Amino acid sequence: MSNAGIEDFKTREVLNETLKDTLSTDGWGRSMWEVMVKNLHEECNIKTDLLEMAQHAPGLVEMFQLEALSRKGIIKEKTRKKVSQIIHKLVRVAYQADQGNEQSLDQLKAIHKLSYPQNYDLPATVIKNLVDSYHTSPHLARAWSVRHLMLELSYVVEPVREGISVLKSGIKLTTTDVHLLNPEVYGKAEKHIKRGSTLQSLAMSIYLDDLNKEGINLNLRQLKLDLKKLREWEVANHFAASDGYALWDGRLGQYPRARIPAIPIYSEGWKRSFGRGDKKQEKLS
């Protein structure tokens, strides 16, 4: 290799290392970039690096625009997250579509039509009907909302008993680095926590209160049923806690770490039905 070639190689190495350190978003760290490049080589026989992918990535400029608009609050975080989820799934849909998967082909066509409705004479009423239909089971949606609260609350509480995880012990509010915690989550925990509270019971209490503020009145018995149905769904769909989310275990791991099963993307369309007076779905069974 000539001196010029060596210098080009060194420059490329530096740029790749800089990109690995810089392009860390949505929990995607340096090691994950390295794994992705390795997998592309081993599984698809694609020899590339992060610099080449950045130079040719479709939609990269638009993604930068999205990030800037989100950081300034022009686009809400909820919208940014939804767009990120779409892009994440779109890669697999595109891959499977070009492998001949019929459903993926239809998904890709549907996404294109929804993105360019005027080009396909797609009526707004059809889009509206799609948005208002096909939602996550009310039982699962509510149970996942409780689980999500448990994940957030694990940062502001700690076990009452030493050597026990937050899932196997009563809990109390943490007094460590309170100024660094999410004030909204801490405030809700402070309002609802009581003697004998567990992480799950605290999450359910807060969730019921949040629903009540939206004009939705449910009870603890309903949420317990929802969580039971979620556990049954997780067994049937092989969702294990060991593959899920780790709860906070203290700043220095002061107590055993616990995990909850992964929380997939879900919708809360059941709230619209509830708001229209369709309470049949809320009957206990």
C-alpha atoms as a PDB file:
ATOM      1  CA  MET A   1       0.000   0.000   0.000  1.00  0.00           C
ATOM      2  CA  SER A   2       1.389   3.442  -0.962  1.00  0.00           C
ATOM      3  CA  ASN A   3       1.947   6.205   1.575  1.00  0.00           C
ATOM      4  CA  ALA A   4      -1.122   8.008   0.202  1.00  0.00           C
ATOM      5  CA  GLY A   5      -3.131   4.816   0.593  1.00  0.00           C
ATOM      6  CA  ILE A   6      -1.936   4.378   4.170  1.00  0.00           C
ATOM      7  CA  GLU A   7      -2.881   7.975   4.988  1.00  0.00           C
ATOM      8  CA  ASP A   8      -6.334   7.504   3.422  1.00  0.00           C
ATOM      9  CA  PHE A   9      -6.781   4.315   5.451  1.00  0.00           C
ATOM     10  CA  LYS A  10      -5.756   6.061   8.682  1.00  0.00           C
ATOM     11  CA  THR A  11      -8.073   8.988   7.954  1.00  0.00           C
ATOM     12  CA  ARG A  12     -10.938   6.588   7.300  1.00  0.00           C
ATOM     13  CA  GLU A  13     -10.221   4.739  10.554  1.00  0.00           C
ATOM     14  CA  VAL A  14     -10.288   7.994  12.502  1.00  0.00           C
ATOM     15  CA  LEU A  15     -13.554   9.052  10.861  1.00  0.00           C
ATOM     16  CA  ASN A  16     -15.133   5.671  11.590  1.00  0.00           C
ATOM     17  CA  GLU A  17     -14.070   5.782  15.241  1.00  0.00           C
ATOM     18  CA  THR A  18     -15.405   9.329  15.547  1.00  0.00           C
ATOM     19  CA  LEU A  19     -18.731   8.303  14.022  1.00  0.00           C
ATOM     20  CA  LYS A  20     -19.032   5.350  16.435  1.00  0.00           C
ATOM     21  CA  ASP A  21     -18.500   7.686  19.364  1.00  0.00           C
ATOM     22  CA  THR A  22     -20.816  10.375  18.007  1.00  0.00           C
ATOM     23  CA  LEU A  23     -23.758   8.531  16.476  1.00  0.00           C
ATOM     24  CA  SER A  24     -25.261   7.124  19.660  1.00  0.00           C
ATOM     25  CA  THR A  25     -29.026   7.687  19.693  1.00  0.00           C
ATOM     26  CA  ASP A  26     -31.984   5.893  21.250  1.00  0.00           C
ATOM     27  CA  GLY A  27     -29.639   3.671  23.271  1.00  0.00           C
ATOM     28  CA  TRP A  28     -27.595   2.634  20.215  1.00  0.00           C
ATOM     29  CA  GLY A  29     -24.001   2.619  21.442  1.00  0.00           C
ATOM     30  CA  ARG A  30     -20.534   2.158  19.973  1.00  0.00           C
ATOM     31  CA  SER A  31     -20.417  -1.625  20.300  1.00  0.00           C
ATOM     32  CA  MET A  32     -23.754  -1.968  18.492  1.00  0.00           C
ATOM     33  CA  TRP A  33     -22.358  -0.201  15.428  1.00  0.00           C
ATOM     34  CA  GLU A  34     -19.463  -2.669  15.385  1.00  0.00           C
ATOM     35  CA  VAL A  35     -21.843  -5.635  15.677  1.00  0.00           C
ATOM     36  CA  MET A  36     -24.031  -4.299  12.862  1.00  0.00           C
ATOM     37  CA  VAL A  37     -21.073  -3.901  10.456  1.00  0.00           C
ATOM     38  CA  LYS A  38     -19.828  -7.380  11.388  1.00  0.00           C
ATOM     39  CA  ASN A  39     -23.273  -8.937  10.850  1.00  0.00           C
ATOM     40  CA  LEU A  40     -23.656  -7.284   7.447  1.00  0.00           C
ATOM     41  CA  HIS A  41     -20.356  -8.835   6.421  1.00  0.00           C
ATOM     42  CA  GLU A  42     -21.002 -12.308   7.840  1.00  0.00           C
ATOM     43  CA  GLU A  43     -24.702 -12.681   7.021  1.00  0.00           C
ATOM     44  CA  CYS A  44     -25.044 -10.697   3.782  1.00  0.00           C
ATOM     45  CA  ASN A  45     -21.442 -10.650   2.480  1.00  0.00           C
ATOM     46  CA  ILE A  46     -21.484  -6.841   2.535  1.00  0.00           C
ATOM     47  CA  LYS A  47     -18.081  -5.289   3.160  1.00  0.00           C
ATOM     48  CA  THR A  48     -18.675  -1.766   4.396  1.00  0.00           C
ATOM     49  CA  ASP A  49     -17.994   0.584   7.259  1.00  0.00           C
ATOM     50  CA  LEU A  50     -19.896   3.246   9.145  1.00  0.00           C
ATOM     51  CA  LEU A  51     -18.469   6.068   7.023  1.00  0.00           C
ATOM     52  CA  GLU A  52     -19.645   4.498   3.762  1.00  0.00           C
ATOM     53  CA  MET A  53     -23.105   3.845   5.199  1.00  0.00           C
ATOM     54  CA  ALA A  54     -23.376   7.436   6.434  1.00  0.00           C
ATOM     55  CA  GLN A  55     -22.371   8.743   3.012  1.00  0.00           C
ATOM     56  CA  HIS A  56     -25.074   6.753   1.189  1.00  0.00           C
ATOM     57  CA  ALA A  57     -27.835   6.221   3.775  1.00  0.00           C
ATOM     58  CA  PRO A  58     -31.282   7.088   2.354  1.00  0.00           C
ATOM     59  CA  GLY A  59     -33.176   9.709   4.283  1.00  0.00           C
ATOM     60  CA  LEU A  60     -30.208  10.679   6.457  1.00  0.00           C
ATOM     61  CA  VAL A  61     -30.690  14.404   5.800  1.00  0.00           C
ATOM     62  CA  GLU A  62     -34.354  14.112   6.772  1.00  0.00           C
ATOM     63  CA  MET A  63     -33.375  12.281   9.971  1.00  0.00           C
ATOM     64  CA  PHE A  64     -31.016  15.108  10.882  1.00  0.00           C
ATOM     65  CA  GLN A  65     -33.856  17.566  10.269  1.00  0.00           C
ATOM     66  CA  LEU A  66     -36.161  15.496  12.466  1.00  0.00           C
ATOM     67  CA  GLU A  67     -33.637  15.502  15.301  1.00  0.00           C
ATOM     68  CA  ALA A  68     -33.127  19.279  15.089  1.00  0.00           C
ATOM     69  CA  LEU A  69     -36.884  19.961  15.057  1.00  0.00           C
ATOM     70  CA  SER A  70     -37.376  17.572  17.973  1.00  0.00           C
ATOM     71  CA  ARG A  71     -34.552  19.109  20.029  1.00  0.00           C
ATOM     72  CA  LYS A  72     -36.126  22.544  19.629  1.00  0.00           C
ATOM     73  CA  GLY A  73     -39.548  21.229  20.618  1.00  0.00           C
ATOM     74  CA  ILE A  74     -41.071  21.973  17.205  1.00  0.00           C
ATOM     75  CA  ILE A  75     -41.725  18.241  16.826  1.00  0.00           C
ATOM     76  CA  LYS A  76     -42.847  16.565  20.052  1.00  0.00           C
ATOM     77  CA  GLU A  77     -40.844  13.720  21.579  1.00  0.00           C
ATOM     78  CA  LYS A  78     -43.813  11.387  21.179  1.00  0.00           C
ATOM     79  CA  THR A  79     -43.847  12.065  17.425  1.00  0.00           C
ATOM     80  CA  ARG A  80     -40.089  11.623  17.125  1.00  0.00           C
ATOM     81  CA  LYS A  81     -40.306   8.288  18.915  1.00  0.00           C
ATOM     82  CA  LYS A  82     -43.104   7.106  16.632  1.00  0.00           C
ATOM     83  CA  VAL A  83     -41.107   8.036  13.513  1.00  0.00           C
ATOM     84  CA  SER A  84     -38.053   6.207  14.921  1.00  0.00           C
ATOM     85  CA  GLN A  85     -40.165   3.094  15.482  1.00  0.00           C
ATOM     86  CA  ILE A  86     -41.458   3.230  11.902  1.00  0.00           C
ATOM     87  CA  ILE A  87     -37.948   3.531  10.458  1.00  0.00           C
ATOM     88  CA  HIS A  88     -36.675   0.724  12.687  1.00  0.00           C
ATOM     89  CA  LYS A  89     -39.377  -1.630  11.410  1.00  0.00           C
ATOM     90  CA  LEU A  90     -39.217  -0.382   7.817  1.00  0.00           C
ATOM     91  CA  VAL A  91     -35.752  -1.850   7.265  1.00  0.00           C
ATOM     92  CA  ARG A  92     -36.977  -5.368   8.067  1.00  0.00           C
ATOM     93  CA  VAL A  93     -40.162  -4.886   6.035  1.00  0.00           C
ATOM     94  CA  ALA A  94     -38.108  -3.792   2.996  1.00  0.00           C
ATOM     95  CA  TYR A  95     -35.712  -6.726   3.385  1.00  0.00           C
ATOM     96  CA  GLN A  96     -38.522  -9.274   3.681  1.00  0.00           C
ATOM     97  CA  ALA A  97     -40.422  -7.681   0.790  1.00  0.00           C
ATOM     98  CA  ASP A  98     -37.445  -8.162  -1.526  1.00  0.00           C
ATOM     99  CA  GLN A  99     -37.157 -11.756  -0.308  1.00  0.00           C
ATOM    100  CA  GLY A 100     -40.648 -12.331  -1.688  1.00  0.00           C
ATOM    101  CA  ASN A 101     -42.687 -12.111   1.516  1.00  0.00           C
ATOM    102  CA  GLU A 102     -46.187 -11.193   0.326  1.00  0.00           C
ATOM    103  CA  GLN A 103     -47.311  -9.515   3.537  1.00  0.00           C
ATOM    104  CA  SER A 104     -44.177  -7.360   3.615  1.00  0.00           C
ATOM    105  CA  LEU A 105     -44.756  -6.385  -0.025  1.00  0.00           C
ATOM    106  CA  ASP A 106     -48.279  -5.290   0.863  1.00  0.00           C
ATOM    107  CA  GLN A 107     -47.015  -3.403   3.922  1.00  0.00           C
ATOM    108  CA  LEU A 108     -44.481  -1.518   1.815  1.00  0.00           C
ATOM    109  CA  LYS A 109     -47.136  -0.584  -0.749  1.00  0.00           C
ATOM    110  CA  ALA A 110     -49.534   0.486   2.004  1.00  0.00           C
ATOM    111  CA  ILE A 111     -46.888   2.681   3.654  1.00  0.00           C
ATOM    112  CA  HIS A 112     -46.194   4.349   0.303  1.00  0.00           C
ATOM    113  CA  LYS A 113     -49.884   4.969  -0.321  1.00  0.00           C
ATOM    114  CA  LEU A 114     -50.390   6.414   3.164  1.00  0.00           C
ATOM    115  CA  SER A 115     -47.354   8.663   2.671  1.00  0.00           C
ATOM    116  CA  TYR A 116     -48.565   9.948  -0.714  1.00  0.00           C
ATOM    117  CA  PRO A 117     -52.397   9.768  -0.544  1.00  0.00           C
ATOM    118  CA  GLN A 118     -52.918  12.426  -3.213  1.00  0.00           C
ATOM    119  CA  ASN A 119     -50.959  10.330  -5.738  1.00  0.00           C
ATOM    120  CA  TYR A 120     -53.232   7.348  -5.175  1.00  0.00           C
ATOM    121  CA  ASP A 121     -56.558   9.195  -4.780  1.00  0.00           C
ATOM    122  CA  LEU A 122     -56.680   7.760  -1.262  1.00  0.00           C
ATOM    123  CA  PRO A 123     -59.603   9.392   0.587  1.00  0.00           C
ATOM    124  CA  ALA A 124     -58.955  10.908   4.001  1.00  0.00           C
ATOM    125  CA  THR A 125     -61.897   8.898   5.320  1.00  0.00           C
ATOM    126  CA  VAL A 126     -60.097   5.638   4.516  1.00  0.00           C
ATOM    127  CA  ILE A 127     -57.023   6.786   6.438  1.00  0.00           C
ATOM    128  CA  LYS A 128     -59.193   7.937   9.338  1.00  0.00           C
ATOM    129  CA  ASN A 129     -60.977   4.588   9.440  1.00  0.00           C
ATOM    130  CA  LEU A 130     -57.647   2.757   9.553  1.00  0.00           C
ATOM    131  CA  VAL A 131     -56.411   4.977  12.388  1.00  0.00           C
ATOM    132  CA  ASP A 132     -59.596   4.453  14.399  1.00  0.00           C
ATOM    133  CA  SER A 133     -59.620   0.670  13.922  1.00  0.00           C
ATOM    134  CA  TYR A 134     -57.345  -2.268  14.750  1.00  0.00           C
ATOM    135  CA  HIS A 135     -56.025  -1.491  18.211  1.00  0.00           C
ATOM    136  CA  THR A 136     -54.157  -3.440  20.847  1.00  0.00           C
ATOM    137  CA  SER A 137     -56.316  -5.522  23.172  1.00  0.00           C
ATOM    138  CA  PRO A 138     -57.552  -3.261  26.023  1.00  0.00           C
ATOM    139  CA  HIS A 139     -56.306  -5.811  28.573  1.00  0.00           C
ATOM    140  CA  LEU A 140     -52.791  -5.869  27.135  1.00  0.00           C
ATOM    141  CA  ALA A 141     -52.603  -2.113  26.545  1.00  0.00           C
ATOM    142  CA  ARG A 142     -53.508  -1.333  30.155  1.00  0.00           C
ATOM    143  CA  ALA A 143     -51.164  -3.992  31.537  1.00  0.00           C
ATOM    144  CA  TRP A 144     -48.268  -2.675  29.462  1.00  0.00           C
ATOM    145  CA  SER A 145     -49.026   0.850  30.687  1.00  0.00           C
ATOM    146  CA  VAL A 146     -48.716  -0.424  34.266  1.00  0.00           C
ATOM    147  CA  ARG A 147     -45.448  -2.202  33.399  1.00  0.00           C
ATOM    148  CA  HIS A 148     -44.081   0.961  31.809  1.00  0.00           C
ATOM    149  CA  LEU A 149     -44.869   2.873  34.993  1.00  0.00           C
ATOM    150  CA  MET A 150     -43.090   0.176  37.023  1.00  0.00           C
ATOM    151  CA  LEU A 151     -39.994   0.720  34.885  1.00  0.00           C
ATOM    152  CA  GLU A 152     -40.087   4.489  35.471  1.00  0.00           C
ATOM    153  CA  LEU A 153     -40.852   4.147  39.177  1.00  0.00           C
ATOM    154  CA  SER A 154     -37.907   1.817  39.751  1.00  0.00           C
ATOM    155  CA  TYR A 155     -35.681   4.915  39.517  1.00  0.00           C
ATOM    156  CA  VAL A 156     -37.402   6.743  42.380  1.00  0.00           C
ATOM    157  CA  VAL A 157     -37.979   3.930  44.878  1.00  0.00           C
ATOM    158  CA  GLU A 158     -35.893   1.292  46.612  1.00  0.00           C
ATOM    159  CA  PRO A 159     -36.583  -1.955  48.518  1.00  0.00           C
ATOM    160  CA  VAL A 160     -37.585  -1.732  52.163  1.00  0.00           C
ATOM    161  CA  ARG A 161     -35.618  -4.887  52.917  1.00  0.00           C
ATOM    162  CA  GLU A 162     -31.892  -5.148  52.229  1.00  0.00           C
ATOM    163  CA  GLY A 163     -30.654  -7.713  49.744  1.00  0.00           C
ATOM    164  CA  ILE A 164     -34.050  -7.978  48.018  1.00  0.00           C
ATOM    165  CA  SER A 165     -34.987  -6.633  44.576  1.00  0.00           C
ATOM    166  CA  VAL A 166     -37.721  -4.042  44.055  1.00  0.00           C
ATOM    167  CA  LEU A 167     -39.976  -6.784  42.663  1.00  0.00           C
ATOM    168  CA  LYS A 168     -39.732  -9.012  45.721  1.00  0.00           C
ATOM    169  CA  SER A 169     -39.955  -6.477  48.510  1.00  0.00           C
ATOM    170  CA  GLY A 170     -42.075  -3.635  49.744  1.00  0.00           C
ATOM    171  CA  ILE A 171     -40.751  -0.301  48.538  1.00  0.00           C
ATOM    172  CA  LYS A 172     -40.032   3.180  49.850  1.00  0.00           C
ATOM    173  CA  LEU A 173     -39.093   6.462  48.213  1.00  0.00           C
ATOM    174  CA  THR A 174     -35.398   6.815  47.589  1.00  0.00           C
ATOM    175  CA  THR A 175     -33.545   9.667  49.277  1.00  0.00           C
ATOM    176  CA  THR A 176     -30.453   9.379  47.085  1.00  0.00           C
ATOM    177  CA  ASP A 177     -29.777  12.088  44.474  1.00  0.00           C
ATOM    178  CA  VAL A 178     -33.433  13.145  44.427  1.00  0.00           C
ATOM    179  CA  HIS A 179     -32.487  16.311  42.514  1.00  0.00           C
ATOM    180  CA  LEU A 180     -31.375  14.127  39.581  1.00  0.00           C
ATOM    181  CA  LEU A 181     -34.655  12.216  39.344  1.00  0.00           C
ATOM    182  CA  ASN A 182     -37.626  12.884  37.078  1.00  0.00           C
ATOM    183  CA  PRO A 183     -39.676  15.314  39.182  1.00  0.00           C
ATOM    184  CA  GLU A 184     -43.001  14.265  37.642  1.00  0.00           C
ATOM    185  CA  VAL A 185     -42.447  10.565  38.360  1.00  0.00           C
ATOM    186  CA  TYR A 186     -41.091  11.281  41.836  1.00  0.00           C
ATOM    187  CA  GLY A 187     -44.043  13.537  42.603  1.00  0.00           C
ATOM    188  CA  LYS A 188     -46.555  10.860  41.586  1.00  0.00           C
ATOM    189  CA  ALA A 189     -44.747   8.236  43.658  1.00  0.00           C
ATOM    190  CA  GLU A 190     -44.632  10.546  46.664  1.00  0.00           C
ATOM    191  CA  LYS A 191     -48.375  11.193  46.382  1.00  0.00           C
ATOM    192  CA  HIS A 192     -49.450   7.537  46.081  1.00  0.00           C
ATOM    193  CA  ILE A 193     -46.901   5.494  48.010  1.00  0.00           C
ATOM    194  CA  LYS A 194     -47.987   4.093  51.355  1.00  0.00           C
ATOM    195  CA  ARG A 195     -46.890   1.558  53.926  1.00  0.00           C
ATOM    196  CA  GLY A 196     -46.812  -1.884  52.316  1.00  0.00           C
ATOM    197  CA  SER A 197     -46.705  -0.581  48.733  1.00  0.00           C
ATOM    198  CA  THR A 198     -45.043  -2.773  46.139  1.00  0.00           C
ATOM    199  CA  LEU A 199     -43.703  -1.549  42.814  1.00  0.00           C
ATOM    200  CA  GLN A 200     -46.705  -3.032  41.017  1.00  0.00           C
ATOM    201  CA  SER A 201     -49.334  -1.743  43.468  1.00  0.00           C
ATOM    202  CA  LEU A 202     -47.826   1.751  43.318  1.00  0.00           C
ATOM    203  CA  ALA A 203     -47.844   1.691  39.508  1.00  0.00           C
ATOM    204  CA  MET A 204     -51.477   0.554  39.467  1.00  0.00           C
ATOM    205  CA  SER A 205     -52.518   3.276  41.921  1.00  0.00           C
ATOM    206  CA  ILE A 206     -50.866   5.970  39.801  1.00  0.00           C
ATOM    207  CA  TYR A 207     -52.282   4.557  36.553  1.00  0.00           C
ATOM    208  CA  LEU A 208     -55.840   4.494  37.912  1.00  0.00           C
ATOM    209  CA  ASP A 209     -55.435   8.100  39.030  1.00  0.00           C
ATOM    210  CA  ASP A 210     -54.118   9.136  35.609  1.00  0.00           C
ATOM    211  CA  LEU A 211     -57.063   7.404  33.913  1.00  0.00           C
ATOM    212  CA  ASN A 212     -59.497   9.083  36.284  1.00  0.00           C
ATOM    213  CA  LYS A 213     -58.119  12.469  35.221  1.00  0.00           C
ATOM    214  CA  GLU A 214     -58.943  11.479  31.621  1.00  0.00           C
ATOM    215  CA  GLY A 215     -62.506  10.696  32.654  1.00  0.00           C
ATOM    216  CA  ILE A 216     -61.983   6.921  32.657  1.00  0.00           C
ATOM    217  CA  ASN A 217     -63.031   5.183  35.851  1.00  0.00           C
ATOM    218  CA  LEU A 218     -61.620   1.688  36.297  1.00  0.00           C
ATOM    219  CA  ASN A 219     -60.797  -0.245  39.434  1.00  0.00           C
ATOM    220  CA  LEU A 220     -57.955  -2.280  40.881  1.00  0.00           C
ATOM    221  CA  ARG A 221     -59.721  -5.548  40.158  1.00  0.00           C
ATOM    222  CA  GLN A 222     -59.787  -4.713  36.446  1.00  0.00           C
ATOM    223  CA  LEU A 223     -56.048  -4.001  36.362  1.00  0.00           C
ATOM    224  CA  LYS A 224     -55.281  -7.251  38.176  1.00  0.00           C
ATOM    225  CA  LEU A 225     -57.275  -9.086  35.508  1.00  0.00           C
ATOM    226  CA  ASP A 226     -55.402  -7.176  32.794  1.00  0.00           C
ATOM    227  CA  LEU A 227     -52.031  -8.188  34.266  1.00  0.00           C
ATOM    228  CA  LYS A 228     -53.184 -11.814  34.530  1.00  0.00           C
ATOM    229  CA  LYS A 229     -54.138 -11.806  30.848  1.00  0.00           C
ATOM    230  CA  LEU A 230     -50.783 -10.224  29.984  1.00  0.00           C
ATOM    231  CA  ARG A 231     -48.911 -12.988  31.826  1.00  0.00           C
ATOM    232  CA  GLU A 232     -50.912 -15.574  29.868  1.00  0.00           C
ATOM    233  CA  TRP A 233     -50.101 -13.733  26.607  1.00  0.00           C
ATOM    234  CA  GLU A 234     -46.386 -13.641  27.516  1.00  0.00           C
ATOM    235  CA  VAL A 235     -46.315 -17.388  28.126  1.00  0.00           C
ATOM    236  CA  ALA A 236     -48.060 -18.058  24.813  1.00  0.00           C
ATOM    237  CA  ASN A 237     -45.726 -15.684  22.926  1.00  0.00           C
ATOM    238  CA  HIS A 238     -42.514 -16.634  24.749  1.00  0.00           C
ATOM    239  CA  PHE A 239     -41.884 -13.248  26.357  1.00  0.00           C
ATOM    240  CA  ALA A 240     -39.494 -13.893  29.249  1.00  0.00           C
ATOM    241  CA  ALA A 241     -38.353 -11.431  31.900  1.00  0.00           C
ATOM    242  CA  SER A 242     -34.768 -12.590  31.342  1.00  0.00           C
ATOM    243  CA  ASP A 243     -34.948 -11.128  27.820  1.00  0.00           C
ATOM    244  CA  GLY A 244     -36.732  -7.953  28.910  1.00  0.00           C
ATOM    245  CA  TYR A 245     -35.976  -4.674  30.642  1.00  0.00           C
ATOM    246  CA  ALA A 246     -33.762  -4.321  33.694  1.00  0.00           C
ATOM    247  CA  LEU A 247     -35.230  -2.268  36.519  1.00  0.00           C
ATOM    248  CA  TRP A 248     -33.022   0.283  38.227  1.00  0.00           C
ATOM    249  CA  ASP A 249     -30.970  -1.328  41.003  1.00  0.00           C
ATOM    250  CA  GLY A 250     -29.531   1.728  42.703  1.00  0.00           C
ATOM    251  CA  ARG A 251     -26.683   3.951  41.667  1.00  0.00           C
ATOM    252  CA  LEU A 252     -24.043   1.377  42.578  1.00  0.00           C
ATOM    253  CA  GLY A 253     -26.179  -1.739  42.376  1.00  0.00           C
ATOM    254  CA  GLN A 254     -27.049  -1.607  46.073  1.00  0.00           C
ATOM    255  CA  TYR A 255     -29.703  -4.306  45.687  1.00  0.00           C
ATOM    256  CA  PRO A 256     -30.296  -7.271  43.355  1.00  0.00           C
ATOM    257  CA  ARG A 257     -31.343  -6.378  39.839  1.00  0.00           C
ATOM    258  CA  ALA A 258     -34.797  -7.421  38.652  1.00  0.00           C
ATOM    259  CA  ARG A 259     -36.221  -7.570  35.161  1.00  0.00           C
ATOM    260  CA  ILE A 260     -39.640  -7.351  33.549  1.00  0.00           C
ATOM    261  CA  PRO A 261     -40.559  -8.746  30.117  1.00  0.00           C
ATOM    262  CA  ALA A 262     -40.069  -6.405  27.167  1.00  0.00           C
ATOM    263  CA  ILE A 263     -42.849  -3.919  26.476  1.00  0.00           C
ATOM    264  CA  PRO A 264     -43.696  -3.959  22.746  1.00  0.00           C
ATOM    265  CA  ILE A 265     -45.283  -1.134  20.795  1.00  0.00           C
ATOM    266  CA  TYR A 266     -48.971  -0.903  21.630  1.00  0.00           C
ATOM    267  CA  SER A 267     -51.902   1.453  21.105  1.00  0.00           C
ATOM    268  CA  GLU A 268     -54.441   2.847  23.550  1.00  0.00           C
ATOM    269  CA  GLY A 269     -57.373   2.923  21.155  1.00  0.00           C
ATOM    270  CA  TRP A 270     -59.539   1.336  23.856  1.00  0.00           C
ATOM    271  CA  LYS A 271     -59.756   4.799  25.437  1.00  0.00           C
ATOM    272  CA  ARG A 272     -61.640   6.119  22.400  1.00  0.00           C
ATOM    273  CA  SER A 273     -64.195   3.323  22.664  1.00  0.00           C
ATOM    274  CA  PHE A 274     -64.538   3.993  26.371  1.00  0.00           C
ATOM    275  CA  GLY A 275     -65.056   7.679  25.670  1.00  0.00           C
ATOM    276  CA  ARG A 276     -67.866   6.838  23.223  1.00  0.00           C
ATOM    277  CA  GLY A 277     -69.634   4.923  25.985  1.00  0.00           C
ATOM    278  CA  ASP A 278     -68.702   1.417  24.844  1.00  0.00           C
ATOM    279  CA  LYS A 279     -68.055  -0.074  28.280  1.00  0.00           C
ATOM    280  CA  LYS A 280     -68.783  -3.694  27.318  1.00  0.00           C
ATOM    281  CA  GLN A 281     -65.121  -4.400  26.848  1.00  0.00           C
ATOM    282  CA  GLU A 282     -64.469  -3.436  30.459  1.00  0.00           C
ATOM    283  CA  LYS A 283     -66.614  -6.198  31.936  1.00  0.00           C
ATOM    284  CA  LEU A 284     -64.621  -8.605  34.028  1.00  0.00           C
ATOM    285  CA  SER A 285     -64.378 -12.093  32.655  1.00  0.00           C
END
